[in-house]
C-alpha cells in the first residue's frame, strides 16, 4: 500500500498546479533552490556558473570571474501561440 504522506503531497501539489499563483510559486521555489546551491558551492569552495544578461559566467571561490561564453540572440521566424503543441522525433 502506498504511503499516505506521498498521496497527501501529490494532492497538495495538484492544488498548487491549478492555482493562479502557480508561476509565482515556481519562481519562488527556483529562486530559493538557486540561492541554496550558491551557498553550498561557497561552503564547498567550488565555482558557480550562471547567466548574466547574454553571458555565461563562472565565478570562482576566490572572487575571480570568467566569461565562458557570449550568447547570441536567437532569430526565429515562427510565432507560437499559447497552447501550441510541439512534436519532436528521435534521431
Protein backbone atom coordinates (compact mmCIF):
# COMPACT_ATOMS: atom_id res chain seq x y z
CA UNK A 1 0.00 0.00 0.00
CA UNK A 2 1.26 3.47 -0.89
CA UNK A 3 2.47 5.82 1.79
CA UNK A 4 -0.39 8.22 2.78
CA UNK A 5 2.09 11.10 3.11
CA UNK A 6 3.03 10.73 -0.56
CA UNK A 7 -0.64 10.83 -1.54
CA UNK A 8 -1.14 13.98 0.53
CA UNK A 9 1.88 15.65 -1.07
CA UNK A 10 0.68 14.78 -4.58
CA UNK A 11 -2.76 16.17 -3.75
CA UNK A 12 -1.18 19.36 -2.37
CA UNK A 13 0.97 19.74 -5.49
CA UNK A 14 -2.06 19.25 -7.74
CA UNK A 15 -3.89 22.05 -5.93
CA UNK A 16 -0.90 24.35 -6.46
CA UNK A 17 -0.74 23.49 -10.17
CA UNK A 18 -4.36 24.52 -10.56
CA UNK A 19 -3.90 27.81 -8.72
CA UNK A 20 -3.46 31.19 -10.40
CA UNK A 21 -0.24 31.75 -8.46
CA UNK A 22 1.46 28.61 -9.89
CA UNK A 23 4.12 30.53 -11.83
CA UNK A 24 4.90 32.76 -8.86
CA UNK A 25 5.23 29.73 -6.59
CA UNK A 26 7.54 28.02 -9.10
CA UNK A 27 9.68 31.17 -9.36
CA UNK A 28 9.99 31.35 -5.58
CA UNK A 29 10.95 27.67 -5.33
CA UNK A 30 13.51 28.01 -8.14
CA UNK A 31 14.99 31.18 -6.61
CA UNK A 32 15.29 29.53 -3.18
CA UNK A 33 16.92 26.43 -4.73
CA UNK A 34 19.39 28.61 -6.62
CA UNK A 35 20.31 30.60 -3.54
CA UNK A 36 20.80 27.39 -1.57
CA UNK A 37 23.03 25.96 -4.34
CA UNK A 38 25.18 29.11 -4.29
CA UNK A 39 25.60 28.87 -0.52
CA UNK A 40 26.57 25.19 -0.81
CA UNK A 41 29.07 25.98 -3.58
CA UNK A 42 30.71 28.64 -1.40
CA UNK A 43 30.97 26.21 1.52
CA UNK A 44 32.44 23.52 -0.74
CA UNK A 45 34.72 26.09 -2.42
CA UNK A 46 33.63 25.18 -5.95
CA UNK A 47 32.88 27.62 -8.79
CA UNK A 48 29.35 28.76 -9.62
CA UNK A 49 28.20 29.10 -13.24
CA UNK A 50 25.31 31.42 -14.04
CA UNK A 51 23.74 33.51 -16.78
CA UNK A 52 24.11 37.29 -16.63
CA UNK A 53 22.43 39.12 -19.47
CA UNK A 54 23.74 37.36 -22.57
CA UNK A 55 26.90 36.00 -20.94
CA UNK A 56 27.60 32.66 -19.27
CA UNK A 57 29.74 33.49 -16.24
CA UNK A 58 31.84 31.27 -13.96
CA UNK A 59 32.63 32.76 -10.56
CA UNK A 60 35.39 31.12 -8.56
CA UNK A 61 35.57 30.96 -4.74
CA UNK A 62 38.48 33.44 -4.71
CA UNK A 63 36.27 36.03 -6.45
CA UNK A 64 37.76 35.62 -9.93
CA UNK A 65 35.13 35.90 -12.69
CA UNK A 66 35.49 34.26 -16.11
CA UNK A 67 33.18 34.82 -19.08
CA UNK A 68 32.69 31.36 -20.54
CA UNK A 69 30.53 32.31 -23.49
CA UNK A 70 28.80 35.29 -25.07
CA UNK A 71 25.36 34.18 -26.25
CA UNK A 72 23.89 35.41 -29.50
CA UNK A 73 20.27 36.43 -29.78
CA UNK A 74 18.31 33.68 -31.50
CA UNK A 75 16.38 34.62 -34.59
CA UNK A 76 13.05 32.89 -35.05
CA UNK A 77 10.64 33.24 -37.93
CA UNK A 78 7.99 31.20 -36.14
CA UNK A 79 5.45 32.75 -33.83
CA UNK A 80 3.89 30.24 -31.47
CA UNK A 81 0.57 30.88 -29.85
CA UNK A 82 -0.21 29.77 -26.32
CA UNK A 83 -1.24 26.13 -26.33
CA UNK A 84 0.75 25.17 -29.43
CA UNK A 85 1.93 21.55 -29.24
CA UNK A 86 5.43 20.80 -30.48
CA UNK A 87 6.37 17.29 -31.59
CA UNK A 88 9.95 16.02 -31.53
CA UNK A 89 11.42 12.96 -33.22
CA UNK A 90 14.27 10.81 -32.01
CA UNK A 91 17.44 10.69 -34.08
